[in-house]
Amino acid sequence: MQQTGRFVYRTPGGLTVRRIEPAIGAEIEGAQLNQPISAQHAADIRQALQDHGVIFFRDQPMTYEQHLALASVFGEIWIEGVLPDKPAVLPLVSDHGDFNKAGGHWHSDGTYLPVPPAVSVLYCHKAAPLGGDTLFSSAAAVWESLSPAMQEKIAPLWAKSSMNHIRKVKAESEIGVVGQIQQELGPKIPDWAEHPVVRVHPLTGRPFVYVNEVHFYEIIGLPKEEGDALLRDLCDAFRKPEFQMRWKWTENAIAIWDNWAVQHYAVRDEAGPRHVERIMTHGLPTRSLAEERETAAA
């Protein structure tokens, strides 16, 4: 890695990486993602994602096949099955007065599933003329901000998550959308799933807080009042600006984020049409910090 400035560096393959905020985010220049991606550039991009949690590219016009090839750099493709001609894509189309139904809350994608997806690759076909930004928050930074006593308290805990919980935090006007998603995915969605409150990243080894406000509803083994308060405090920590960055979309821009250790929030203030499409990759089974410690001690 070649340093070209305090917060800018070049990768072994010659890409320029510019950090966006201390806790999270980097923009990358020098890659042409609508062309075959070399092994070195693929390795550089994967490393940048591990280092910064979410990475961005601008001016990358691409077809569905090129979007698919880019996502394949990060693993096995997740099939959404929503669009027959683009089976891996989830389209997110919104406009002023008809905002993004998936927005408005901090979350990671698919945490209501036993094995949530690992990486999300979002491509912007059309950016709103104003508004429609996306915020990202580092779950590793949230963990590191906690006191040692709180870290020890939550390390062994597990929590329940569910798609049904979205019904409790979404407006009545959006309940039909949640039901439609459940119907489309059918048996792929269980009634609920269990995840550790603190996961260990399978690639970096860093612990991170894994609960979010839109899917998680119960801390297992704690009295309801105590568990609800703890869950609320942990979810609220993601709102701290110190752990966040904000991305302003432009046409043909791409965001790639680590769906394990990053939460995102789609801001619902589009002043015009916005059309983005997401492709994800399959994740790995959940592993808690407590389990990692036990393994290391054995």
C-alpha atoms as a PDB file:
ATOM      1  CA  MET A   1       0.000   0.000   0.000  1.00  0.00           C
ATOM      2  CA  GLN A   2       1.452   3.321  -1.119  1.00  0.00           C
ATOM      3  CA  GLN A   3       0.541   6.445   0.867  1.00  0.00           C
ATOM      4  CA  THR A   4      -0.112   9.539  -1.264  1.00  0.00           C
ATOM      5  CA  GLY A   5      -1.500  11.650   1.580  1.00  0.00           C
ATOM      6  CA  ARG A   6      -2.610  11.298   5.160  1.00  0.00           C
ATOM      7  CA  PHE A   7      -6.012   9.897   4.231  1.00  0.00           C
ATOM      8  CA  VAL A   8      -5.399   8.829   0.637  1.00  0.00           C
ATOM      9  CA  TYR A   9      -3.473   5.774  -0.524  1.00  0.00           C
ATOM     10  CA  ARG A  10      -2.818   3.633  -3.586  1.00  0.00           C
ATOM     11  CA  THR A  11      -3.498  -0.083  -3.625  1.00  0.00           C
ATOM     12  CA  PRO A  12      -1.013  -2.643  -4.998  1.00  0.00           C
ATOM     13  CA  GLY A  13      -3.013  -2.598  -8.231  1.00  0.00           C
ATOM     14  CA  GLY A  14      -2.821   1.191  -8.548  1.00  0.00           C
ATOM     15  CA  LEU A  15      -6.331   2.163  -7.396  1.00  0.00           C
ATOM     16  CA  THR A  16      -6.671   5.397  -5.414  1.00  0.00           C
ATOM     17  CA  VAL A  17      -8.573   5.071  -2.141  1.00  0.00           C
ATOM     18  CA  ARG A  18      -9.814   8.222  -0.381  1.00  0.00           C
ATOM     19  CA  ARG A  19     -11.165   7.815   3.121  1.00  0.00           C
ATOM     20  CA  ILE A  20     -14.478   9.588   3.750  1.00  0.00           C
ATOM     21  CA  GLU A  21     -14.805   9.545   7.554  1.00  0.00           C
ATOM     22  CA  PRO A  22     -12.545   8.219  10.337  1.00  0.00           C
ATOM     23  CA  ALA A  23     -14.891   5.382  11.300  1.00  0.00           C
ATOM     24  CA  ILE A  24     -16.253   4.332   7.929  1.00  0.00           C
ATOM     25  CA  GLY A  25     -16.249   4.775   4.178  1.00  0.00           C
ATOM     26  CA  ALA A  26     -13.898   5.261   1.236  1.00  0.00           C
ATOM     27  CA  GLU A  27     -14.245   6.316  -2.388  1.00  0.00           C
ATOM     28  CA  ILE A  28     -12.145   4.478  -4.971  1.00  0.00           C
ATOM     29  CA  GLU A  29     -10.858   5.811  -8.281  1.00  0.00           C
ATOM     30  CA  GLY A  30      -9.001   4.139 -11.143  1.00  0.00           C
ATOM     31  CA  ALA A  31     -11.216   1.073 -11.619  1.00  0.00           C
ATOM     32  CA  GLN A  32     -13.340   0.426 -14.706  1.00  0.00           C
ATOM     33  CA  LEU A  33     -15.961  -1.881 -13.269  1.00  0.00           C
ATOM     34  CA  ASN A  34     -17.876  -2.386 -16.511  1.00  0.00           C
ATOM     35  CA  GLN A  35     -14.818  -4.177 -17.933  1.00  0.00           C
ATOM     36  CA  PRO A  36     -13.393  -7.547 -16.813  1.00  0.00           C
ATOM     37  CA  ILE A  37     -11.975  -7.010 -13.320  1.00  0.00           C
ATOM     38  CA  SER A  38      -8.398  -8.208 -12.906  1.00  0.00           C
ATOM     39  CA  ALA A  39      -7.460 -10.507 -10.047  1.00  0.00           C
ATOM     40  CA  GLN A  40      -5.343  -7.746  -8.492  1.00  0.00           C
ATOM     41  CA  HIS A  41      -8.098  -5.130  -8.670  1.00  0.00           C
ATOM     42  CA  ALA A  42     -10.571  -7.652  -7.246  1.00  0.00           C
ATOM     43  CA  ALA A  43      -8.225  -8.304  -4.325  1.00  0.00           C
ATOM     44  CA  ASP A  44      -7.699  -4.555  -3.814  1.00  0.00           C
ATOM     45  CA  ILE A  45     -11.444  -3.892  -3.760  1.00  0.00           C
ATOM     46  CA  ARG A  46     -12.118  -6.735  -1.316  1.00  0.00           C
ATOM     47  CA  GLN A  47      -9.380  -5.445   0.989  1.00  0.00           C
ATOM     48  CA  ALA A  48     -10.721  -1.892   0.834  1.00  0.00           C
ATOM     49  CA  LEU A  49     -14.160  -3.177   1.787  1.00  0.00           C
ATOM     50  CA  GLN A  50     -12.726  -4.974   4.824  1.00  0.00           C
ATOM     51  CA  ASP A  51     -10.758  -1.882   5.823  1.00  0.00           C
ATOM     52  CA  HIS A  52     -13.524   0.706   5.426  1.00  0.00           C
ATOM     53  CA  GLY A  53     -16.852  -1.124   5.698  1.00  0.00           C
ATOM     54  CA  VAL A  54     -18.411   0.595   2.686  1.00  0.00           C
ATOM     55  CA  ILE A  55     -16.761   1.686  -0.561  1.00  0.00           C
ATOM     56  CA  PHE A  56     -17.954   3.801  -3.477  1.00  0.00           C
ATOM     57  CA  PHE A  57     -17.287   4.311  -7.160  1.00  0.00           C
ATOM     58  CA  ARG A  58     -18.642   7.039  -9.426  1.00  0.00           C
ATOM     59  CA  ASP A  59     -19.239   7.127 -13.187  1.00  0.00           C
ATOM     60  CA  GLN A  60     -19.523   3.376 -13.717  1.00  0.00           C
ATOM     61  CA  PRO A  61     -22.286   2.786 -16.294  1.00  0.00           C
ATOM     62  CA  MET A  62     -23.037  -0.920 -16.419  1.00  0.00           C
ATOM     63  CA  THR A  63     -25.437  -3.577 -17.616  1.00  0.00           C
ATOM     64  CA  TYR A  64     -27.075  -6.189 -15.416  1.00  0.00           C
ATOM     65  CA  GLU A  65     -24.422  -8.710 -16.485  1.00  0.00           C
ATOM     66  CA  GLN A  66     -21.628  -6.323 -15.473  1.00  0.00           C
ATOM     67  CA  HIS A  67     -23.346  -5.598 -12.145  1.00  0.00           C
ATOM     68  CA  LEU A  68     -23.549  -9.349 -11.603  1.00  0.00           C
ATOM     69  CA  ALA A  69     -19.867  -9.815 -12.438  1.00  0.00           C
ATOM     70  CA  LEU A  70     -18.898  -7.102  -9.961  1.00  0.00           C
ATOM     71  CA  ALA A  71     -20.952  -8.650  -7.166  1.00  0.00           C
ATOM     72  CA  SER A  72     -19.407 -12.054  -7.945  1.00  0.00           C
ATOM     73  CA  VAL A  73     -16.042 -10.647  -6.810  1.00  0.00           C
ATOM     74  CA  PHE A  74     -17.389 -10.990  -3.253  1.00  0.00           C
ATOM     75  CA  GLY A  75     -18.900 -14.460  -3.366  1.00  0.00           C
ATOM     76  CA  GLU A  76     -21.881 -16.548  -4.415  1.00  0.00           C
ATOM     77  CA  ILE A  77     -24.761 -14.465  -5.762  1.00  0.00           C
ATOM     78  CA  TRP A  78     -28.003 -14.183  -3.785  1.00  0.00           C
ATOM     79  CA  ILE A  79     -31.047 -14.765  -6.022  1.00  0.00           C
ATOM     80  CA  GLU A  80     -33.934 -12.398  -5.289  1.00  0.00           C
ATOM     81  CA  GLY A  81     -36.349 -13.743  -7.905  1.00  0.00           C
ATOM     82  CA  VAL A  82     -38.275 -10.459  -8.205  1.00  0.00           C
ATOM     83  CA  LEU A  83     -37.438  -9.566 -11.832  1.00  0.00           C
ATOM     84  CA  PRO A  84     -37.534 -12.505 -14.307  1.00  0.00           C
ATOM     85  CA  ASP A  85     -34.933 -10.895 -16.573  1.00  0.00           C
ATOM     86  CA  LYS A  86     -32.692  -9.898 -13.639  1.00  0.00           C
ATOM     87  CA  PRO A  87     -33.149 -12.660 -11.035  1.00  0.00           C
ATOM     88  CA  ALA A  88     -30.364 -11.431  -8.729  1.00  0.00           C
ATOM     89  CA  VAL A  89     -31.630  -7.830  -8.565  1.00  0.00           C
ATOM     90  CA  LEU A  90     -33.873  -6.144  -6.027  1.00  0.00           C
ATOM     91  CA  PRO A  91     -35.075  -2.880  -7.628  1.00  0.00           C
ATOM     92  CA  LEU A  92     -35.688   0.096  -5.341  1.00  0.00           C
ATOM     93  CA  VAL A  93     -37.659   2.762  -7.155  1.00  0.00           C
ATOM     94  CA  SER A  94     -39.000   5.844  -5.406  1.00  0.00           C
ATOM     95  CA  ASP A  95     -40.124   9.406  -6.034  1.00  0.00           C
ATOM     96  CA  HIS A  96     -41.251  12.493  -4.184  1.00  0.00           C
ATOM     97  CA  GLY A  97     -44.399  11.515  -2.275  1.00  0.00           C
ATOM     98  CA  ASP A  98     -43.759   7.811  -2.896  1.00  0.00           C
ATOM     99  CA  PHE A  99     -40.579   7.254  -0.919  1.00  0.00           C
ATOM    100  CA  ASN A 100     -38.371   4.184  -0.669  1.00  0.00           C
ATOM    101  CA  LYS A 101     -40.358   1.682   1.403  1.00  0.00           C
ATOM    102  CA  ALA A 102     -37.132   0.045   2.627  1.00  0.00           C
ATOM    103  CA  GLY A 103     -35.851   3.368   3.977  1.00  0.00           C
ATOM    104  CA  GLY A 104     -36.389   5.345   7.124  1.00  0.00           C
ATOM    105  CA  HIS A 105     -34.718   2.970   9.592  1.00  0.00           C
ATOM    106  CA  TRP A 106     -31.224   1.772  10.483  1.00  0.00           C
ATOM    107  CA  HIS A 107     -30.737  -1.861   9.508  1.00  0.00           C
ATOM    108  CA  SER A 108     -28.616  -4.541   7.855  1.00  0.00           C
ATOM    109  CA  ASP A 109     -30.209  -6.495   5.021  1.00  0.00           C
ATOM    110  CA  GLY A 110     -31.762  -9.857   5.787  1.00  0.00           C
ATOM    111  CA  THR A 111     -31.015 -10.105   9.513  1.00  0.00           C
ATOM    112  CA  TYR A 112     -34.416 -11.797   9.920  1.00  0.00           C
ATOM    113  CA  LEU A 113     -32.838 -14.842   8.185  1.00  0.00           C
ATOM    114  CA  PRO A 114     -30.720 -17.548   9.882  1.00  0.00           C
ATOM    115  CA  VAL A 115     -27.802 -16.783   7.521  1.00  0.00           C
ATOM    116  CA  PRO A 116     -28.074 -13.183   6.290  1.00  0.00           C
ATOM    117  CA  PRO A 117     -26.297 -11.991   3.125  1.00  0.00           C
ATOM    118  CA  ALA A 118     -22.689 -10.847   3.334  1.00  0.00           C
ATOM    119  CA  VAL A 119     -22.182  -8.031   0.820  1.00  0.00           C
ATOM    120  CA  SER A 120     -24.608  -5.622  -0.871  1.00  0.00           C
ATOM    121  CA  VAL A 121     -23.747  -3.992  -4.212  1.00  0.00           C
ATOM    122  CA  LEU A 122     -26.071  -1.086  -5.056  1.00  0.00           C
ATOM    123  CA  TYR A 123     -26.030   0.492  -8.527  1.00  0.00           C
ATOM    124  CA  CYS A 124     -27.681   3.849  -9.239  1.00  0.00           C
ATOM    125  CA  HIS A 125     -29.574   4.010 -12.529  1.00  0.00           C
ATOM    126  CA  LYS A 126     -31.155   7.370 -11.693  1.00  0.00           C
ATOM    127  CA  ALA A 127     -30.352   9.696  -8.804  1.00  0.00           C
ATOM    128  CA  ALA A 128     -32.959  12.060  -7.371  1.00  0.00           C
ATOM    129  CA  PRO A 129     -32.257  15.693  -8.328  1.00  0.00           C
ATOM    130  CA  LEU A 130     -32.171  16.445  -4.605  1.00  0.00           C
ATOM    131  CA  GLY A 131     -32.270  14.181  -1.556  1.00  0.00           C
ATOM    132  CA  GLY A 132     -32.431  10.397  -1.515  1.00  0.00           C
ATOM    133  CA  ASP A 133     -29.019  10.021   0.152  1.00  0.00           C
ATOM    134  CA  THR A 134     -27.914   6.891   2.036  1.00  0.00           C
ATOM    135  CA  LEU A 135     -26.234   6.939   5.456  1.00  0.00           C
ATOM    136  CA  PHE A 136     -23.931   4.194   6.737  1.00  0.00           C
ATOM    137  CA  SER A 137     -22.868   3.443  10.324  1.00  0.00           C
ATOM    138  CA  SER A 138     -20.041   1.209  11.566  1.00  0.00           C
ATOM    139  CA  ALA A 139     -21.082  -1.629  13.876  1.00  0.00           C
ATOM    140  CA  ALA A 140     -17.418  -2.180  14.796  1.00  0.00           C
ATOM    141  CA  ALA A 141     -17.108   1.463  15.886  1.00  0.00           C
ATOM    142  CA  VAL A 142     -20.256   1.063  17.996  1.00  0.00           C
ATOM    143  CA  TRP A 143     -18.698  -1.963  19.733  1.00  0.00           C
ATOM    144  CA  GLU A 144     -15.416  -0.155  20.356  1.00  0.00           C
ATOM    145  CA  SER A 145     -17.260   2.802  21.900  1.00  0.00           C
ATOM    146  CA  LEU A 146     -18.838   0.663  24.638  1.00  0.00           C
ATOM    147  CA  SER A 147     -17.370   0.488  28.118  1.00  0.00           C
ATOM    148  CA  PRO A 148     -15.515  -2.726  29.058  1.00  0.00           C
ATOM    149  CA  ALA A 149     -18.340  -3.555  31.478  1.00  0.00           C
ATOM    150  CA  MET A 150     -20.972  -3.223  28.751  1.00  0.00           C
ATOM    151  CA  GLN A 151     -18.873  -5.244  26.321  1.00  0.00           C
ATOM    152  CA  GLU A 152     -18.624  -8.082  28.835  1.00  0.00           C
ATOM    153  CA  LYS A 153     -22.360  -7.890  29.525  1.00  0.00           C
ATOM    154  CA  ILE A 154     -23.489  -8.202  25.918  1.00  0.00           C
ATOM    155  CA  ALA A 155     -20.785 -10.554  24.547  1.00  0.00           C
ATOM    156  CA  PRO A 156     -22.615 -13.772  25.521  1.00  0.00           C
ATOM    157  CA  LEU A 157     -26.135 -12.556  24.675  1.00  0.00           C
ATOM    158  CA  TRP A 158     -28.297 -13.617  21.744  1.00  0.00           C
ATOM    159  CA  ALA A 159     -31.334 -11.860  20.271  1.00  0.00           C
ATOM    160  CA  LYS A 160     -34.365 -12.708  18.150  1.00  0.00           C
ATOM    161  CA  SER A 161     -35.141 -11.042  14.835  1.00  0.00           C
ATOM    162  CA  SER A 162     -38.111 -11.280  12.497  1.00  0.00           C
ATOM    163  CA  MET A 163     -39.554  -9.822   9.327  1.00  0.00           C
ATOM    164  CA  ASN A 164     -42.829  -9.546  11.262  1.00  0.00           C
ATOM    165  CA  HIS A 165     -41.220  -6.993  13.601  1.00  0.00           C
ATOM    166  CA  ILE A 166     -41.077  -4.521  10.709  1.00  0.00           C
ATOM    167  CA  ARG A 167     -44.846  -4.268  11.005  1.00  0.00           C
ATOM    168  CA  LYS A 168     -44.402  -2.686  14.436  1.00  0.00           C
ATOM    169  CA  VAL A 169     -41.936  -0.011  13.323  1.00  0.00           C
ATOM    170  CA  LYS A 170     -43.292   0.834   9.874  1.00  0.00           C
ATOM    171  CA  ALA A 171     -46.207   3.171   9.225  1.00  0.00           C
ATOM    172  CA  GLU A 172     -49.629   1.658   8.564  1.00  0.00           C
ATOM    173  CA  SER A 173     -49.417   2.805   4.933  1.00  0.00           C
ATOM    174  CA  GLU A 174     -46.430   0.516   4.416  1.00  0.00           C
ATOM    175  CA  ILE A 175     -47.722  -2.668   6.016  1.00  0.00           C
ATOM    176  CA  GLY A 176     -48.927  -3.949   2.649  1.00  0.00           C
ATOM    177  CA  VAL A 177     -45.403  -3.663   1.278  1.00  0.00           C
ATOM    178  CA  VAL A 178     -44.032  -5.810   4.118  1.00  0.00           C
ATOM    179  CA  GLY A 179     -46.700  -8.408   3.448  1.00  0.00           C
ATOM    180  CA  GLN A 180     -45.846  -8.381  -0.258  1.00  0.00           C
ATOM    181  CA  ILE A 181     -42.159  -9.007   0.515  1.00  0.00           C
ATOM    182  CA  GLN A 182     -43.079 -11.903   2.782  1.00  0.00           C
ATOM    183  CA  GLN A 183     -45.326 -13.387   0.115  1.00  0.00           C
ATOM    184  CA  GLU A 184     -42.668 -13.059  -2.590  1.00  0.00           C
ATOM    185  CA  LEU A 185     -39.960 -14.723  -0.495  1.00  0.00           C
ATOM    186  CA  GLY A 186     -42.350 -17.295   0.954  1.00  0.00           C
ATOM    187  CA  PRO A 187     -40.650 -20.220   2.743  1.00  0.00           C
ATOM    188  CA  LYS A 188     -37.276 -18.464   2.628  1.00  0.00           C
ATOM    189  CA  ILE A 189     -38.385 -16.352   5.605  1.00  0.00           C
ATOM    190  CA  PRO A 190     -38.764 -18.125   8.987  1.00  0.00           C
ATOM    191  CA  ASP A 191     -41.017 -16.767  11.730  1.00  0.00           C
ATOM    192  CA  TRP A 192     -37.894 -15.635  13.574  1.00  0.00           C
ATOM    193  CA  ALA A 193     -34.125 -16.128  13.696  1.00  0.00           C
ATOM    194  CA  GLU A 194     -31.541 -15.962  16.480  1.00  0.00           C
ATOM    195  CA  HIS A 195     -28.251 -14.066  16.263  1.00  0.00           C
ATOM    196  CA  PRO A 196     -25.577 -13.092  18.775  1.00  0.00           C
ATOM    197  CA  VAL A 197     -25.744  -9.515  19.957  1.00  0.00           C
ATOM    198  CA  VAL A 198     -21.999  -9.355  19.237  1.00  0.00           C
ATOM    199  CA  ARG A 199     -20.648 -11.126  16.161  1.00  0.00           C
ATOM    200  CA  VAL A 200     -17.056 -11.600  15.082  1.00  0.00           C
ATOM    201  CA  HIS A 201     -16.281 -10.697  11.493  1.00  0.00           C
ATOM    202  CA  PRO A 202     -15.287 -13.911   9.677  1.00  0.00           C
ATOM    203  CA  LEU A 203     -12.666 -12.112   7.562  1.00  0.00           C
ATOM    204  CA  THR A 204     -11.240  -9.347   9.764  1.00  0.00           C
ATOM    205  CA  GLY A 205     -11.738 -10.910  13.199  1.00  0.00           C
ATOM    206  CA  ARG A 206     -13.171  -7.614  14.558  1.00  0.00           C
ATOM    207  CA  PRO A 207     -16.152  -7.807  16.929  1.00  0.00           C
ATOM    208  CA  PHE A 208     -19.228  -5.756  16.087  1.00  0.00           C
ATOM    209  CA  VAL A 209     -22.715  -5.120  17.449  1.00  0.00           C
ATOM    210  CA  TYR A 210     -25.257  -6.954  15.328  1.00  0.00           C
ATOM    211  CA  VAL A 211     -28.731  -5.836  16.479  1.00  0.00           C
ATOM    212  CA  ASN A 212     -30.826  -3.287  14.602  1.00  0.00           C
ATOM    213  CA  GLU A 213     -34.056  -1.409  15.197  1.00  0.00           C
ATOM    214  CA  VAL A 214     -36.119  -2.774  12.334  1.00  0.00           C
ATOM    215  CA  HIS A 215     -35.675  -6.564  12.697  1.00  0.00           C
ATOM    216  CA  PHE A 216     -34.638  -7.334  16.310  1.00  0.00           C
ATOM    217  CA  TYR A 217     -37.255  -7.468  19.042  1.00  0.00           C
ATOM    218  CA  GLU A 218     -36.038  -9.584  21.998  1.00  0.00           C
ATOM    219  CA  ILE A 219     -32.847 -10.215  23.972  1.00  0.00           C
ATOM    220  CA  ILE A 220     -32.968 -13.902  24.878  1.00  0.00           C
ATOM    221  CA  GLY A 221     -32.751 -14.689  28.593  1.00  0.00           C
ATOM    222  CA  LEU A 222     -33.306 -11.154  29.900  1.00  0.00           C
ATOM    223  CA  PRO A 223     -36.516  -9.849  31.492  1.00  0.00           C
ATOM    224  CA  LYS A 224     -38.549  -8.024  28.849  1.00  0.00           C
ATOM    225  CA  GLU A 225     -38.162  -4.543  30.309  1.00  0.00           C
ATOM    226  CA  GLU A 226     -34.403  -4.924  30.758  1.00  0.00           C
ATOM    227  CA  GLY A 227     -33.960  -6.531  27.338  1.00  0.00           C
ATOM    228  CA  ASP A 228     -36.021  -3.877  25.579  1.00  0.00           C
ATOM    229  CA  ALA A 229     -34.018  -1.088  27.204  1.00  0.00           C
ATOM    230  CA  LEU A 230     -30.703  -2.708  26.260  1.00  0.00           C
ATOM    231  CA  LEU A 231     -31.840  -3.308  22.695  1.00  0.00           C
ATOM    232  CA  ARG A 232     -32.995   0.301  22.397  1.00  0.00           C
ATOM    233  CA  ASP A 233     -29.692   1.655  23.742  1.00  0.00           C
ATOM    234  CA  LEU A 234     -27.605  -0.472  21.380  1.00  0.00           C
ATOM    235  CA  CYS A 235     -29.700   0.462  18.357  1.00  0.00           C
ATOM    236  CA  ASP A 236     -29.588   4.144  19.302  1.00  0.00           C
ATOM    237  CA  ALA A 237     -25.778   4.030  19.334  1.00  0.00           C
ATOM    238  CA  PHE A 238     -25.795   3.678  15.532  1.00  0.00           C
ATOM    239  CA  ARG A 239     -27.322   7.169  15.336  1.00  0.00           C
ATOM    240  CA  LYS A 240     -24.142   8.842  16.593  1.00  0.00           C
ATOM    241  CA  PRO A 241     -22.584  10.951  13.816  1.00  0.00           C
ATOM    242  CA  GLU A 242     -19.085   9.858  14.901  1.00  0.00           C
ATOM    243  CA  PHE A 243     -19.803   6.366  13.571  1.00  0.00           C
ATOM    244  CA  GLN A 244     -21.463   7.468  10.317  1.00  0.00           C
ATOM    245  CA  MET A 245     -20.994   8.811   6.818  1.00  0.00           C
ATOM    246  CA  ARG A 246     -23.475  10.100   4.227  1.00  0.00           C
ATOM    247  CA  TRP A 247     -23.411   9.290   0.507  1.00  0.00           C
ATOM    248  CA  LYS A 248     -24.961  11.538  -2.132  1.00  0.00           C
ATOM    249  CA  TRP A 249     -25.980   9.526  -5.158  1.00  0.00           C
ATOM    250  CA  THR A 250     -25.166  10.374  -8.752  1.00  0.00           C
ATOM    251  CA  GLU A 251     -26.150   8.467 -11.864  1.00  0.00           C
ATOM    252  CA  ASN A 252     -23.978   5.366 -12.435  1.00  0.00           C
ATOM    253  CA  ALA A 253     -22.520   5.490  -8.919  1.00  0.00           C
ATOM    254  CA  ILE A 254     -21.994   2.257  -6.986  1.00  0.00           C
ATOM    255  CA  ALA A 255     -21.973   1.548  -3.248  1.00  0.00           C
ATOM    256  CA  ILE A 256     -20.650  -1.746  -1.874  1.00  0.00           C
ATOM    257  CA  TRP A 257     -21.018  -2.443   1.814  1.00  0.00           C
ATOM    258  CA  ASP A 258     -20.199  -5.138   4.316  1.00  0.00           C
ATOM    259  CA  ASN A 259     -23.665  -6.262   5.338  1.00  0.00           C
ATOM    260  CA  TRP A 260     -22.310  -7.893   8.490  1.00  0.00           C
ATOM    261  CA  ALA A 261     -20.535  -4.949  10.095  1.00  0.00           C
ATOM    262  CA  VAL A 262     -22.335  -1.952   8.600  1.00  0.00           C
ATOM    263  CA  GLN A 263     -25.866  -0.641   8.980  1.00  0.00           C
ATOM    264  CA  HIS A 264     -27.469   1.715   6.481  1.00  0.00           C
ATOM    265  CA  TYR A 265     -30.334   4.196   6.395  1.00  0.00           C
ATOM    266  CA  ALA A 266     -32.009   5.332   3.165  1.00  0.00           C
ATOM    267  CA  VAL A 267     -33.128   8.928   3.667  1.00  0.00           C
ATOM    268  CA  ARG A 268     -36.693   9.323   2.472  1.00  0.00           C
ATOM    269  CA  ASP A 269     -36.635  12.872   1.132  1.00  0.00           C
ATOM    270  CA  GLU A 270     -36.340  12.341  -2.614  1.00  0.00           C
ATOM    271  CA  ALA A 271     -37.300  15.505  -4.526  1.00  0.00           C
ATOM    272  CA  GLY A 272     -37.728  13.481  -7.717  1.00  0.00           C
ATOM    273  CA  PRO A 273     -37.328   9.987  -9.199  1.00  0.00           C
ATOM    274  CA  ARG A 274     -34.683   7.668  -7.769  1.00  0.00           C
ATOM    275  CA  HIS A 275     -33.912   4.203  -9.150  1.00  0.00           C
ATOM    276  CA  VAL A 276     -31.265   1.928  -7.660  1.00  0.00           C
ATOM    277  CA  GLU A 277     -30.760  -1.827  -7.948  1.00  0.00           C
ATOM    278  CA  ARG A 278     -29.177  -4.142  -5.386  1.00  0.00           C
ATOM    279  CA  ILE A 279     -27.370  -7.451  -5.787  1.00  0.00           C
ATOM    280  CA  MET A 280     -26.157  -9.353  -2.708  1.00  0.00           C
ATOM    281  CA  THR A 281     -23.897 -12.306  -1.959  1.00  0.00           C
ATOM    282  CA  HIS A 282     -24.490 -15.217   0.397  1.00  0.00           C
ATOM    283  CA  GLY A 283     -23.239 -14.947   3.962  1.00  0.00           C
ATOM    284  CA  LEU A 284     -21.705 -17.334   6.471  1.00  0.00           C
ATOM    285  CA  PRO A 285     -23.305 -18.793   9.617  1.00  0.00           C
ATOM    286  CA  THR A 286     -23.365 -16.521  12.628  1.00  0.00           C
ATOM    287  CA  ARG A 287     -20.513 -16.818  15.128  1.00  0.00           C
ATOM    288  CA  SER A 288     -20.529 -14.938  18.405  1.00  0.00           C
ATOM    289  CA  LEU A 289     -17.656 -13.254  20.224  1.00  0.00           C
ATOM    290  CA  ALA A 290     -18.235 -15.617  23.165  1.00  0.00           C
ATOM    291  CA  GLU A 291     -17.819 -18.637  20.875  1.00  0.00           C
ATOM    292  CA  GLU A 292     -14.642 -17.181  19.383  1.00  0.00           C
ATOM    293  CA  ARG A 293     -13.221 -16.699  22.873  1.00  0.00           C
ATOM    294  CA  GLU A 294     -14.069 -20.247  23.866  1.00  0.00           C
ATOM    295  CA  THR A 295     -12.432 -21.610  20.726  1.00  0.00           C
ATOM    296  CA  ALA A 296      -9.284 -19.548  21.321  1.00  0.00           C
ATOM    297  CA  ALA A 297      -9.070 -20.720  24.934  1.00  0.00           C
ATOM    298  CA  ALA A 298      -9.496 -24.421  24.081  1.00  0.00           C
END
